[in-house]
Amino acid sequence: MKATWNGTVLAEAPKEEIIRIEGNFYFPPSSLQRDYFKDSDLHTTCHWKGEANYYTVTVDGQENLDAAWYYPVPKEGSVDKVGQDFTNYVSFWRGVEVGE
């Protein structure tokens, strides 16, 4: 599977390495093309997954603010609920396309 924005592949991994949580696809951290990501100051909290950190994505000088998020320290019990450890796995929104 691939995550793309503005025609650029941001992350790519075999489908069996992707974790799906609440309809969102989470990519393993090793699948990211790190040159396109920078830490964001945005943090949000999910009542059952914990605090999410965000990345801003930059491709060819265009920024997509807070377009990716991940959970560096999932809330206790959330990994059991998902059935897989999703620590630092990255999901996307704000126009980033995810598909095969």
C-alpha atoms as a PDB file:
ATOM      1  CA  MET A   1       0.000   0.000   0.000  1.00  0.00           C
ATOM      2  CA  LYS A   2       1.065   3.580  -0.597  1.00  0.00           C
ATOM      3  CA  ALA A   3       0.363   6.976   0.904  1.00  0.00           C
ATOM      4  CA  THR A   4       0.783   9.724  -1.705  1.00  0.00           C
ATOM      5  CA  TRP A   5       0.397  13.469  -1.835  1.00  0.00           C
ATOM      6  CA  ASN A   6       0.954  15.727  -4.848  1.00  0.00           C
ATOM      7  CA  GLY A   7       2.095  12.674  -6.825  1.00  0.00           C
ATOM      8  CA  THR A   8       4.824  11.777  -4.332  1.00  0.00           C
ATOM      9  CA  VAL A   9       4.973   8.541  -2.354  1.00  0.00           C
ATOM     10  CA  LEU A  10       5.238   9.422   1.349  1.00  0.00           C
ATOM     11  CA  ALA A  11       5.062   5.854   2.687  1.00  0.00           C
ATOM     12  CA  GLU A  12       4.889   2.396   1.183  1.00  0.00           C
ATOM     13  CA  ALA A  13       4.506  -1.001   2.843  1.00  0.00           C
ATOM     14  CA  PRO A  14       3.048  -4.449   2.116  1.00  0.00           C
ATOM     15  CA  LYS A  15      -0.619  -4.695   3.063  1.00  0.00           C
ATOM     16  CA  GLU A  16       0.156  -7.244   5.802  1.00  0.00           C
ATOM     17  CA  GLU A  17       2.355  -4.659   7.583  1.00  0.00           C
ATOM     18  CA  ILE A  18      -0.395  -2.017   7.659  1.00  0.00           C
ATOM     19  CA  ILE A  19      -2.567  -1.755  10.773  1.00  0.00           C
ATOM     20  CA  ARG A  20      -6.174  -0.609  10.314  1.00  0.00           C
ATOM     21  CA  ILE A  21      -7.748   1.231  13.228  1.00  0.00           C
ATOM     22  CA  GLU A  22     -11.193   2.825  13.014  1.00  0.00           C
ATOM     23  CA  GLY A  23     -11.033   2.935   9.216  1.00  0.00           C
ATOM     24  CA  ASN A  24      -7.575   4.543   9.099  1.00  0.00           C
ATOM     25  CA  PHE A  25      -4.510   2.812   7.696  1.00  0.00           C
ATOM     26  CA  TYR A  26      -1.370   3.072   9.852  1.00  0.00           C
ATOM     27  CA  PHE A  27       2.014   2.597   8.177  1.00  0.00           C
ATOM     28  CA  PRO A  28       5.075   1.208   9.959  1.00  0.00           C
ATOM     29  CA  PRO A  29       7.585   3.944  10.838  1.00  0.00           C
ATOM     30  CA  SER A  30      10.231   2.276   8.649  1.00  0.00           C
ATOM     31  CA  SER A  31       8.008   2.734   5.570  1.00  0.00           C
ATOM     32  CA  LEU A  32       8.107   6.547   5.653  1.00  0.00           C
ATOM     33  CA  GLN A  33      10.169   8.622   3.236  1.00  0.00           C
ATOM     34  CA  ARG A  34      11.489  10.752   6.111  1.00  0.00           C
ATOM     35  CA  ASP A  35      12.705  13.640   3.938  1.00  0.00           C
ATOM     36  CA  TYR A  36       9.073  14.749   3.505  1.00  0.00           C
ATOM     37  CA  PHE A  37       8.189  14.831   7.221  1.00  0.00           C
ATOM     38  CA  LYS A  38       8.847  17.348   9.961  1.00  0.00           C
ATOM     39  CA  ASP A  39       7.516  17.387  13.495  1.00  0.00           C
ATOM     40  CA  SER A  40       4.469  19.545  14.132  1.00  0.00           C
ATOM     41  CA  ASP A  41       3.513  21.282  17.360  1.00  0.00           C
ATOM     42  CA  LEU A  42      -0.008  19.832  17.148  1.00  0.00           C
ATOM     43  CA  HIS A  43      -1.058  17.197  19.683  1.00  0.00           C
ATOM     44  CA  THR A  44      -4.514  15.726  20.124  1.00  0.00           C
ATOM     45  CA  THR A  45      -5.887  13.134  22.524  1.00  0.00           C
ATOM     46  CA  CYS A  46      -7.968  10.102  21.730  1.00  0.00           C
ATOM     47  CA  HIS A  47      -9.879   8.842  24.772  1.00  0.00           C
ATOM     48  CA  TRP A  48      -8.710   5.262  24.189  1.00  0.00           C
ATOM     49  CA  LYS A  49      -5.517   5.456  22.071  1.00  0.00           C
ATOM     50  CA  GLY A  50      -3.780   8.296  23.932  1.00  0.00           C
ATOM     51  CA  GLU A  51      -1.949  11.422  22.788  1.00  0.00           C
ATOM     52  CA  ALA A  52      -1.219  11.759  19.073  1.00  0.00           C
ATOM     53  CA  ASN A  53       1.727  13.673  17.661  1.00  0.00           C
ATOM     54  CA  TYR A  54       1.632  15.106  14.140  1.00  0.00           C
ATOM     55  CA  TYR A  55       3.900  15.642  11.166  1.00  0.00           C
ATOM     56  CA  THR A  56       3.710  18.344   8.531  1.00  0.00           C
ATOM     57  CA  VAL A  57       4.408  16.967   5.062  1.00  0.00           C
ATOM     58  CA  THR A  58       6.395  19.028   2.544  1.00  0.00           C
ATOM     59  CA  VAL A  59       6.650  18.102  -1.139  1.00  0.00           C
ATOM     60  CA  ASP A  60       8.243  20.376  -3.754  1.00  0.00           C
ATOM     61  CA  GLY A  61       7.999  23.355  -1.410  1.00  0.00           C
ATOM     62  CA  GLN A  62       4.291  22.835  -0.662  1.00  0.00           C
ATOM     63  CA  GLU A  63       3.329  22.154   2.954  1.00  0.00           C
ATOM     64  CA  ASN A  64       0.439  20.031   4.132  1.00  0.00           C
ATOM     65  CA  LEU A  65       0.147  21.050   7.780  1.00  0.00           C
ATOM     66  CA  ASP A  66      -0.424  18.274  10.310  1.00  0.00           C
ATOM     67  CA  ALA A  67      -1.183  15.777   7.518  1.00  0.00           C
ATOM     68  CA  ALA A  68       0.081  12.721   9.408  1.00  0.00           C
ATOM     69  CA  TRP A  69      -0.249  11.515  12.976  1.00  0.00           C
ATOM     70  CA  TYR A  70       1.056   8.776  15.245  1.00  0.00           C
ATOM     71  CA  TYR A  71       0.940   7.609  18.849  1.00  0.00           C
ATOM     72  CA  PRO A  72       4.431   7.524  20.422  1.00  0.00           C
ATOM     73  CA  VAL A  73       3.077   6.062  23.682  1.00  0.00           C
ATOM     74  CA  PRO A  74      -0.301   4.358  23.197  1.00  0.00           C
ATOM     75  CA  LYS A  75      -2.624   4.473  26.181  1.00  0.00           C
ATOM     76  CA  GLU A  76      -2.605   1.425  28.439  1.00  0.00           C
ATOM     77  CA  GLY A  77      -4.894  -1.266  27.069  1.00  0.00           C
ATOM     78  CA  SER A  78      -5.125   0.225  23.573  1.00  0.00           C
ATOM     79  CA  VAL A  79      -2.601  -2.174  22.008  1.00  0.00           C
ATOM     80  CA  ASP A  80      -4.612  -5.092  23.395  1.00  0.00           C
ATOM     81  CA  LYS A  81      -7.792  -3.573  21.973  1.00  0.00           C
ATOM     82  CA  VAL A  82      -6.227  -3.200  18.511  1.00  0.00           C
ATOM     83  CA  GLY A  83      -4.515  -6.578  18.699  1.00  0.00           C
ATOM     84  CA  GLN A  84      -1.195  -5.211  17.427  1.00  0.00           C
ATOM     85  CA  ASP A  85       1.374  -2.755  18.706  1.00  0.00           C
ATOM     86  CA  PHE A  86       0.782   0.455  16.749  1.00  0.00           C
ATOM     87  CA  THR A  87       3.436   2.548  18.551  1.00  0.00           C
ATOM     88  CA  ASN A  88       4.807   5.164  16.110  1.00  0.00           C
ATOM     89  CA  TYR A  89       2.769   3.812  13.182  1.00  0.00           C
ATOM     90  CA  VAL A  90       1.683   6.726  10.986  1.00  0.00           C
ATOM     91  CA  SER A  91      -1.723   7.517   9.508  1.00  0.00           C
ATOM     92  CA  PHE A  92      -2.710  10.286   7.089  1.00  0.00           C
ATOM     93  CA  TRP A  93      -5.468  12.746   6.218  1.00  0.00           C
ATOM     94  CA  ARG A  94      -5.835  16.229   4.672  1.00  0.00           C
ATOM     95  CA  GLY A  95      -5.656  15.098   1.066  1.00  0.00           C
ATOM     96  CA  VAL A  96      -3.058  12.358   1.409  1.00  0.00           C
ATOM     97  CA  GLU A  97      -4.313   9.404  -0.634  1.00  0.00           C
ATOM     98  CA  VAL A  98      -3.902   5.869   0.673  1.00  0.00           C
ATOM     99  CA  GLY A  99      -4.338   2.902  -1.650  1.00  0.00           C
ATOM    100  CA  GLU A 100      -2.754  -0.065  -3.313  1.00  0.00           C
END
